[in-house]
N, C-alpha and C. Protein backbone atom coordinates (compact mmCIF):
# COMPACT_ATOMS: atom_id res chain seq x y z
N UNK A 1 -39.04 11.87 -43.42
CA UNK A 1 -38.16 12.16 -42.24
C UNK A 1 -38.83 13.08 -41.56
N UNK A 2 -38.79 12.49 -40.28
CA UNK A 2 -39.38 13.86 -39.47
C UNK A 2 -38.10 14.46 -38.91
N UNK A 3 -38.75 15.78 -38.50
CA UNK A 3 -37.24 16.56 -38.00
C UNK A 3 -37.32 16.55 -36.00
N UNK A 4 -36.38 16.75 -35.64
CA UNK A 4 -36.03 16.87 -34.40
C UNK A 4 -36.86 18.21 -33.88
N UNK A 5 -37.63 18.25 -32.94
CA UNK A 5 -38.24 19.21 -31.94
C UNK A 5 -37.22 19.87 -31.70
N UNK A 6 -36.63 19.37 -31.43
CA UNK A 6 -35.11 20.31 -30.44
C UNK A 6 -34.25 21.43 -31.76
N UNK A 7 -33.92 20.28 -32.99
CA UNK A 7 -33.35 21.72 -33.58
C UNK A 7 -33.19 21.92 -35.11
N UNK A 8 -35.11 20.74 -35.20
CA UNK A 8 -35.73 21.19 -36.73
C UNK A 8 -34.27 19.83 -37.97
N UNK A 9 -33.51 19.41 -37.23
CA UNK A 9 -32.78 18.83 -38.25
C UNK A 9 -33.12 17.48 -38.27
N UNK A 10 -33.31 17.14 -39.14
CA UNK A 10 -34.11 15.36 -39.22
C UNK A 10 -32.99 14.40 -39.05
N UNK A 11 -31.62 14.84 -39.28
CA UNK A 11 -30.54 13.74 -38.66
C UNK A 11 -30.29 13.50 -36.92
N UNK A 12 -31.17 14.50 -36.18
CA UNK A 12 -30.93 14.65 -34.46
C UNK A 12 -32.75 13.75 -34.21
N UNK A 13 -33.29 13.36 -34.99
CA UNK A 13 -34.51 12.91 -35.10
C UNK A 13 -34.00 11.48 -33.84
N UNK A 14 -34.58 11.60 -32.56
CA UNK A 14 -33.83 10.16 -31.89
C UNK A 14 -34.83 8.68 -32.50
N UNK A 15 -36.00 9.00 -33.00
CA UNK A 15 -36.00 7.66 -33.86
C UNK A 15 -35.88 7.23 -34.73
N UNK A 16 -34.77 7.93 -35.88
CA UNK A 16 -34.17 7.63 -36.57
C UNK A 16 -32.18 7.73 -36.29
N UNK A 17 -32.53 7.56 -34.65
CA UNK A 17 -30.57 7.68 -34.37
C UNK A 17 -30.81 6.14 -34.24
N UNK A 18 -29.70 6.03 -35.16
CA UNK A 18 -28.74 3.93 -34.83
C UNK A 18 -27.67 3.95 -34.27
N UNK A 19 -27.48 5.41 -33.63
CA UNK A 19 -26.12 5.24 -32.90
C UNK A 19 -26.20 5.12 -31.14
N UNK A 20 -27.64 5.46 -31.10
CA UNK A 20 -27.73 5.13 -29.17
C UNK A 20 -27.14 6.37 -28.92
N UNK A 21 -26.79 7.66 -29.29
CA UNK A 21 -26.39 8.89 -28.79
C UNK A 21 -27.92 9.48 -28.00
N UNK A 22 -28.65 9.54 -28.48
CA UNK A 22 -29.46 10.24 -28.48
C UNK A 22 -30.31 9.53 -27.49
N UNK A 23 -31.30 10.53 -26.47
CA UNK A 23 -32.37 9.67 -25.47
C UNK A 23 -33.34 10.75 -25.34
N UNK A 24 -34.50 9.94 -25.14
CA UNK A 24 -35.95 11.13 -24.62
C UNK A 24 -35.51 11.30 -23.29
N UNK A 25 -35.70 12.26 -23.11
CA UNK A 25 -35.96 12.68 -21.66
C UNK A 25 -37.54 12.44 -20.72
N UNK A 26 -37.58 12.56 -20.22
CA UNK A 26 -39.29 12.46 -19.31
C UNK A 26 -40.20 13.63 -19.87
N UNK A 27 -39.61 14.32 -19.99
CA UNK A 27 -40.65 15.78 -20.80
C UNK A 27 -40.98 15.42 -22.27
N UNK A 28 -40.00 14.40 -22.87
CA UNK A 28 -40.32 14.18 -24.37
C UNK A 28 -39.49 14.65 -25.17
N UNK A 29 -38.51 15.66 -24.86
CA UNK A 29 -37.27 16.08 -25.54
C UNK A 29 -35.90 14.91 -25.77
N UNK A 30 -35.92 15.30 -27.10
CA UNK A 30 -34.28 14.32 -27.04
C UNK A 30 -33.11 15.16 -26.92
N UNK A 31 -32.13 14.15 -26.03
CA UNK A 31 -31.14 15.15 -25.87
C UNK A 31 -29.90 14.05 -25.92
N UNK A 32 -28.40 14.35 -26.17
CA UNK A 32 -27.43 13.17 -26.38
C UNK A 32 -27.51 13.14 -25.40
N UNK A 33 -26.71 11.56 -25.33
CA UNK A 33 -26.13 11.27 -24.36
C UNK A 33 -25.38 11.00 -23.86
N UNK A 34 -25.05 11.78 -22.40
CA UNK A 34 -23.51 12.17 -21.90
C UNK A 34 -22.37 11.41 -22.26
N UNK A 35 -21.44 11.44 -22.53
CA UNK A 35 -20.42 10.21 -22.69
C UNK A 35 -19.75 9.64 -21.92
N UNK A 36 -19.45 8.47 -21.21
CA UNK A 36 -19.26 7.47 -20.47
C UNK A 36 -17.26 7.59 -20.35
N UNK A 37 -16.56 7.32 -19.83
CA UNK A 37 -15.49 7.02 -19.11
C UNK A 37 -14.78 6.65 -20.29
N UNK A 38 -15.56 5.45 -20.77
CA UNK A 38 -15.43 4.42 -21.90
C UNK A 38 -15.23 5.79 -23.35
N UNK A 39 -15.69 6.32 -23.25
CA UNK A 39 -15.22 6.81 -24.75
C UNK A 39 -13.83 7.97 -24.33
N UNK A 40 -13.71 8.80 -23.03
CA UNK A 40 -12.95 9.52 -22.83
C UNK A 40 -11.25 8.49 -22.97
N UNK A 41 -10.14 9.38 -23.71
CA UNK A 41 -9.05 8.69 -22.78
C UNK A 41 -8.32 9.21 -21.80
N UNK A 42 -7.87 8.56 -21.08
CA UNK A 42 -7.70 9.16 -19.30
C UNK A 42 -6.58 10.06 -19.56
N UNK A 43 -6.89 10.67 -18.60
CA UNK A 43 -6.11 12.25 -18.89
C UNK A 43 -5.90 12.98 -17.48
N UNK A 44 -4.31 13.53 -17.51
CA UNK A 44 -3.99 13.79 -15.85
C UNK A 44 -4.81 15.00 -15.43
N UNK A 45 -5.57 16.02 -16.10
CA UNK A 45 -6.89 16.55 -15.84
C UNK A 45 -7.73 15.96 -14.95
N UNK A 46 -8.26 14.90 -15.62
CA UNK A 46 -9.24 14.34 -15.01
C UNK A 46 -8.48 13.69 -13.50
N UNK A 47 -7.52 12.80 -13.63
CA UNK A 47 -7.19 12.50 -12.26
C UNK A 47 -7.35 13.87 -11.05
N UNK A 48 -6.72 15.16 -11.77
CA UNK A 48 -6.95 16.05 -10.59
C UNK A 48 -7.96 16.27 -10.35
N UNK A 49 -9.11 16.33 -11.59
CA UNK A 49 -10.40 16.83 -10.94
C UNK A 49 -11.00 16.14 -10.15
N UNK A 50 -10.73 14.43 -10.03
CA UNK A 50 -11.20 13.17 -9.19
C UNK A 50 -10.55 13.46 -7.94
N UNK A 51 -9.23 13.31 -7.96
CA UNK A 51 -8.60 14.11 -6.20
C UNK A 51 -9.15 15.26 -5.81
N UNK A 52 -9.37 16.26 -6.53
CA UNK A 52 -9.79 17.40 -5.70
C UNK A 52 -11.24 16.96 -5.14
N UNK A 53 -12.45 16.20 -5.67
CA UNK A 53 -13.19 15.70 -5.05
C UNK A 53 -13.21 14.63 -4.06
N UNK A 54 -12.51 13.86 -3.95
CA UNK A 54 -12.29 13.14 -3.24
C UNK A 54 -11.46 13.84 -2.00
N UNK A 55 -10.45 14.88 -1.95
CA UNK A 55 -10.17 15.46 -1.13
C UNK A 55 -11.02 16.50 -0.08
N UNK A 56 -11.76 16.95 -1.14
CA UNK A 56 -13.39 17.98 -0.13
C UNK A 56 -13.78 16.66 0.39
N UNK A 57 -13.83 15.97 0.20
CA UNK A 57 -14.51 14.84 1.53
C UNK A 57 -13.73 14.30 2.43
N UNK A 58 -12.13 14.27 2.04
CA UNK A 58 -11.71 14.04 2.95
C UNK A 58 -11.23 14.87 4.18
N UNK A 59 -11.53 16.06 3.72
CA UNK A 59 -11.60 17.55 4.26
C UNK A 59 -12.62 17.56 5.47
N UNK A 60 -13.65 16.90 5.06
CA UNK A 60 -15.17 16.97 6.11
C UNK A 60 -14.46 15.65 7.27
N UNK A 61 -13.94 14.78 6.78
CA UNK A 61 -13.41 13.79 8.16
C UNK A 61 -12.26 14.22 9.19
N UNK A 62 -11.48 15.24 8.16
CA UNK A 62 -10.73 16.14 9.00
C UNK A 62 -11.39 16.98 9.98
N UNK A 63 -12.51 17.58 9.49
CA UNK A 63 -13.23 18.56 9.98
C UNK A 63 -14.08 18.03 11.34
N UNK A 64 -14.38 16.36 11.47
CA UNK A 64 -14.60 15.89 12.39
C UNK A 64 -13.29 16.03 13.41
N UNK A 65 -12.42 15.41 12.78
CA UNK A 65 -11.41 15.46 14.10
C UNK A 65 -11.15 16.87 14.66
N UNK A 66 -11.26 17.74 13.74
CA UNK A 66 -11.08 19.19 14.66
C UNK A 66 -12.39 19.29 15.51
N UNK A 67 -13.60 19.11 15.20
CA UNK A 67 -14.72 19.26 15.86
C UNK A 67 -14.32 17.95 17.57
N UNK A 68 -13.67 17.16 17.22
CA UNK A 68 -13.47 16.51 18.39
C UNK A 68 -12.60 17.12 19.54
N UNK A 69 -11.46 17.60 18.42
CA UNK A 69 -10.60 17.94 19.39
C UNK A 69 -11.06 19.51 20.04
N UNK A 70 -11.89 20.20 19.45
CA UNK A 70 -12.33 21.26 20.28
C UNK A 70 -13.36 20.94 21.31
N UNK A 71 -13.44 19.59 21.31
CA UNK A 71 -14.82 19.15 22.47
C UNK A 71 -13.83 18.54 23.18
N UNK A 72 -12.99 18.05 22.95
CA UNK A 72 -11.65 17.81 24.15
C UNK A 72 -11.07 18.93 25.10
N UNK A 73 -10.78 20.10 23.93
CA UNK A 73 -10.13 20.92 24.91
C UNK A 73 -11.41 21.66 25.70
N UNK A 74 -12.85 21.75 25.54
CA UNK A 74 -13.91 22.18 26.20
C UNK A 74 -14.25 21.40 27.34
N UNK A 75 -14.16 20.38 27.44
CA UNK A 75 -14.25 19.40 28.43
C UNK A 75 -13.52 19.00 29.66
N UNK A 76 -12.37 19.26 29.06
CA UNK A 76 -11.64 19.68 30.34
C UNK A 76 -10.03 19.03 29.95
N UNK A 77 -8.99 18.59 31.28
CA UNK A 77 -7.58 18.13 30.86
C UNK A 77 -7.84 16.76 30.75
N UNK A 78 -8.43 16.08 31.35
CA UNK A 78 -8.55 14.79 31.08
C UNK A 78 -9.20 14.39 29.73
N UNK A 79 -10.32 15.24 28.96
CA UNK A 79 -10.38 14.57 27.89
C UNK A 79 -9.11 15.03 26.67
N UNK A 80 -8.68 16.29 27.32
CA UNK A 80 -7.39 16.80 26.13
C UNK A 80 -6.25 16.05 26.06
N UNK A 81 -6.06 15.04 27.66
CA UNK A 81 -5.11 14.55 27.36
C UNK A 81 -5.41 12.78 26.90
N UNK A 82 -6.42 12.53 26.63
CA UNK A 82 -6.81 11.56 25.84
C UNK A 82 -6.72 11.68 24.19
N UNK A 83 -7.23 13.31 24.28
CA UNK A 83 -6.98 13.51 22.52
C UNK A 83 -5.55 13.46 22.08
N UNK A 84 -4.85 14.19 23.22
CA UNK A 84 -3.42 14.46 22.61
C UNK A 84 -2.65 12.86 22.19
N UNK A 85 -3.21 12.19 23.39
CA UNK A 85 -2.90 10.73 23.23
C UNK A 85 -2.96 9.91 21.90
N UNK A 86 -4.26 10.36 21.62
CA UNK A 86 -4.69 9.51 20.38
C UNK A 86 -3.76 10.22 19.29
N UNK A 87 -3.53 11.19 19.32
CA UNK A 87 -2.81 12.48 17.72
C UNK A 87 -1.49 11.83 17.91
N UNK A 88 -0.70 11.54 19.40
CA UNK A 88 0.47 11.01 19.49
C UNK A 88 0.85 9.42 19.08
N UNK A 89 -0.25 8.66 19.18
CA UNK A 89 -0.68 7.75 18.77
C UNK A 89 0.13 6.89 17.09
N UNK A 90 0.56 5.87 16.92
CA UNK A 90 0.70 5.32 15.14
C UNK A 90 -0.45 5.73 14.73
N UNK A 91 -1.75 5.47 14.85
CA UNK A 91 -2.58 5.35 14.35
C UNK A 91 -2.86 7.09 14.31
N UNK A 92 -2.62 7.68 15.41
CA UNK A 92 -3.53 9.37 15.06
C UNK A 92 -2.36 10.17 14.39
N UNK A 93 -0.87 9.78 13.92
CA UNK A 93 0.21 10.17 13.24
C UNK A 93 0.03 9.73 11.65
N UNK A 94 -0.60 8.77 11.81
CA UNK A 94 -0.88 7.99 10.28
C UNK A 94 -2.06 9.00 10.00
N UNK A 95 -2.86 9.19 10.73
CA UNK A 95 -4.53 10.18 10.31
C UNK A 95 -3.91 11.48 10.20
N UNK A 96 -3.24 12.29 10.65
CA UNK A 96 -2.22 13.16 10.86
C UNK A 96 -1.14 13.55 9.27
N UNK A 97 -0.88 12.20 8.98
CA UNK A 97 -0.20 12.61 7.56
C UNK A 97 -1.22 12.51 6.57
N UNK A 98 -2.05 11.83 6.67
CA UNK A 98 -3.13 11.68 5.69
C UNK A 98 -3.90 13.16 5.78
N UNK A 99 -4.10 13.91 6.81
CA UNK A 99 -4.95 15.19 6.60
C UNK A 99 -4.08 16.21 6.22
N UNK A 100 -2.32 15.88 6.15
CA UNK A 100 -1.88 17.00 5.95
C UNK A 100 -1.83 16.45 4.32
N UNK A 101 -1.55 15.62 3.93
CA UNK A 101 -1.44 15.45 2.39
C UNK A 101 -3.29 15.95 1.77
N UNK A 102 -4.27 15.83 2.23
CA UNK A 102 -5.45 16.26 1.91
C UNK A 102 -5.30 18.12 2.00
N UNK A 103 -4.63 18.63 2.81
CA UNK A 103 -4.55 19.92 3.12
C UNK A 103 -3.58 20.65 2.06
N UNK A 104 -2.76 19.66 1.94
CA UNK A 104 -1.73 20.15 0.20
C UNK A 104 -2.60 19.57 -0.83
N UNK A 105 -3.13 18.87 -1.19
CA UNK A 105 -4.00 18.86 -2.05
C UNK A 105 -5.11 19.34 -2.25
N UNK A 106 -5.71 20.42 -1.54
CA UNK A 106 -6.48 21.27 -1.75
C UNK A 106 -5.77 22.22 -1.93
N UNK A 107 -5.04 22.41 -1.39
CA UNK A 107 -4.01 23.91 -1.61
C UNK A 107 -3.75 23.87 -3.00
N UNK A 108 -2.69 23.00 -3.75
CA UNK A 108 -2.41 22.84 -4.68
C UNK A 108 -3.75 22.88 -5.63
N UNK A 109 -4.90 22.27 -5.78
CA UNK A 109 -5.51 22.01 -6.58
C UNK A 109 -6.52 23.08 -6.36
N UNK A 110 -6.71 24.46 -5.31
CA UNK A 110 -7.32 25.51 -5.22
C UNK A 110 -6.33 26.70 -5.73
N UNK A 111 -5.08 25.89 -6.20
CA UNK A 111 -4.19 27.06 -6.85
C UNK A 111 -4.42 27.33 -8.53
N UNK A 112 -4.65 25.62 -8.71
CA UNK A 112 -4.77 25.59 -9.85
C UNK A 112 -6.08 25.87 -10.38
N UNK A 113 -7.17 25.77 -9.93
CA UNK A 113 -8.50 26.55 -9.93
C UNK A 113 -8.44 27.88 -10.30
N UNK A 114 -7.75 28.21 -9.14
CA UNK A 114 -7.66 29.86 -9.10
C UNK A 114 -6.95 30.36 -9.95
N UNK A 115 -6.19 29.72 -10.57
CA UNK A 115 -5.45 30.42 -12.16
C UNK A 115 -6.11 29.73 -13.20
N UNK A 116 -6.95 28.98 -13.12
CA UNK A 116 -7.76 28.62 -14.89
C UNK A 116 -9.41 29.79 -14.42
N UNK A 117 -9.49 30.15 -13.06
CA UNK A 117 -10.92 31.19 -12.89
C UNK A 117 -10.60 32.05 -13.76
N UNK A 118 -8.73 32.08 -13.73
CA UNK A 118 -8.43 34.08 -14.19
C UNK A 118 -8.47 34.04 -15.98
N UNK A 119 -8.70 32.60 -16.36
CA UNK A 119 -8.63 32.67 -17.77
C UNK A 119 -7.28 32.00 -18.41
N UNK A 120 -6.16 32.06 -17.48
CA UNK A 120 -5.13 31.54 -17.80
C UNK A 120 -4.58 29.58 -17.62
N UNK A 121 -3.51 29.20 -18.15
CA UNK A 121 -3.41 28.09 -18.03
C UNK A 121 -4.57 26.75 -18.71
N UNK A 122 -5.40 27.25 -19.22
CA UNK A 122 -6.52 26.44 -20.37
C UNK A 122 -5.86 25.63 -21.52
N UNK A 123 -4.74 26.35 -21.87
CA UNK A 123 -4.02 25.20 -22.85
C UNK A 123 -4.03 24.18 -22.57
N UNK A 124 -3.34 23.01 -23.17
CA UNK A 124 -3.00 21.79 -23.02
C UNK A 124 -1.94 21.71 -22.16
N UNK A 125 -0.70 22.27 -22.49
CA UNK A 125 0.49 22.17 -21.55
C UNK A 125 0.38 22.71 -20.27
N UNK A 126 -0.12 24.01 -20.25
CA UNK A 126 0.20 24.75 -18.86
C UNK A 126 -1.35 23.59 -17.89
N UNK A 127 -2.06 23.66 -19.00
CA UNK A 127 -3.29 22.40 -17.99
C UNK A 127 -2.57 20.95 -17.54
N UNK A 128 -1.37 20.78 -18.15
CA UNK A 128 -1.16 19.05 -17.96
C UNK A 128 -0.50 19.52 -16.54
N UNK A 129 0.66 20.92 -16.98
CA UNK A 129 1.25 21.09 -16.00
C UNK A 129 0.92 21.24 -14.36
N UNK A 130 -0.33 22.21 -14.58
CA UNK A 130 -0.62 22.22 -13.38
C UNK A 130 -1.41 21.31 -12.56
N UNK A 131 -2.17 20.38 -13.73
CA UNK A 131 -2.80 18.67 -13.05
C UNK A 131 -1.75 18.18 -12.78
N UNK A 132 -0.57 17.73 -13.19
CA UNK A 132 0.73 17.36 -12.86
C UNK A 132 1.00 17.56 -11.11
N UNK A 133 1.38 18.96 -11.10
CA UNK A 133 2.07 19.51 -9.71
C UNK A 133 0.75 19.27 -8.32
N UNK A 134 -0.47 19.49 -9.07
CA UNK A 134 -1.45 18.97 -8.44
C UNK A 134 -2.40 17.28 -7.75
N UNK A 135 -2.13 16.81 -8.93
CA UNK A 135 -2.14 15.23 -8.40
C UNK A 135 -0.65 15.00 -7.57
N UNK A 136 0.70 15.17 -7.98
CA UNK A 136 1.68 14.59 -7.01
C UNK A 136 2.52 15.42 -6.61
N UNK A 137 2.22 16.50 -6.13
CA UNK A 137 2.53 17.46 -5.35
C UNK A 137 2.19 17.16 -3.79
N UNK A 138 1.10 16.84 -3.74
CA UNK A 138 0.66 17.11 -2.15
C UNK A 138 1.69 15.93 -1.30
N UNK A 139 1.66 14.34 -1.96
CA UNK A 139 2.49 13.47 -1.21
C UNK A 139 3.93 13.93 -0.33
N UNK A 140 4.90 14.32 -1.66
CA UNK A 140 6.17 15.16 -1.37
C UNK A 140 6.12 16.10 -0.18
N UNK A 141 5.24 17.22 -0.36
CA UNK A 141 5.26 17.97 0.42
C UNK A 141 4.37 17.73 1.89
N UNK A 142 3.51 16.69 1.97
CA UNK A 142 3.76 16.52 3.20
C UNK A 142 4.69 15.55 3.93
N UNK A 143 5.38 14.62 3.22
CA UNK A 143 6.79 13.83 3.63
C UNK A 143 7.71 15.24 4.37
N UNK A 144 7.66 16.15 3.77
CA UNK A 144 9.01 17.02 3.94
C UNK A 144 8.11 18.00 4.97
N UNK A 145 7.11 18.34 4.98
CA UNK A 145 6.07 18.42 5.61
C UNK A 145 6.52 17.92 7.36
N UNK A 146 6.02 16.72 7.52
CA UNK A 146 6.47 15.46 8.87
C UNK A 146 8.01 15.49 9.16
N UNK A 147 8.92 15.40 7.91
CA UNK A 147 10.56 15.21 7.77
C UNK A 147 10.64 16.95 8.80
N UNK A 148 10.06 18.10 8.59
CA UNK A 148 10.34 18.91 9.27
C UNK A 148 9.79 18.80 10.72
N UNK A 149 9.01 18.46 10.92
CA UNK A 149 8.14 18.05 12.16
C UNK A 149 8.92 16.95 13.21
N UNK A 150 9.32 16.38 12.72
CA UNK A 150 10.25 14.94 13.67
C UNK A 150 11.56 15.74 13.86
N UNK A 151 12.25 16.48 12.91
CA UNK A 151 13.89 16.47 12.59
C UNK A 151 13.77 18.15 13.92
N UNK A 152 13.03 18.89 14.08
CA UNK A 152 12.61 19.57 15.23
C UNK A 152 12.09 19.40 16.45
N UNK A 153 11.77 18.59 16.41
CA UNK A 153 11.39 17.74 18.20
C UNK A 153 9.36 18.30 18.19
N UNK A 154 9.26 18.39 17.10
CA UNK A 154 7.52 18.75 17.91
C UNK A 154 6.84 17.57 17.95
N UNK A 155 7.34 16.72 16.78
CA UNK A 155 6.73 15.71 16.76
C UNK A 155 7.14 14.32 17.12
N UNK A 156 7.32 13.56 18.12
CA UNK A 156 7.95 12.07 17.88
C UNK A 156 7.12 11.00 18.44
N UNK A 157 7.57 10.15 18.54
CA UNK A 157 6.85 8.74 18.31
C UNK A 157 7.08 8.09 19.88
């Protein structure tokens, strides 16, 4: 039996692999096949991680709206009035609410990462708690934020 050039262990020889877990890379080296989602049991920490990546993309969309608002300010009162009319429209309020959810998601997930980067919250129970806060917290916080905006008269329909 031949041995693997990677480990010297004959059990890791890709030619003898009957599980399909080893692949040969283009450089000829055997590597284990990365596990697929079907291998892993779904967990809240996976959800938090995926949502964090999604909110980073959504924040990019928010940056486009910010640049458009700055352009409207730069182009004068008529352009600004158009931007303000869009922001006050039902569609603009929905976009604003969505971006508020994105903001709170980034804040909560960023806090989760900050805690994890210090080496804390890496055990199962604290990781689950922080992930649940990051997954479920943004929507209620955004609703509370918009309730305050409407109740104080800062936003109206």
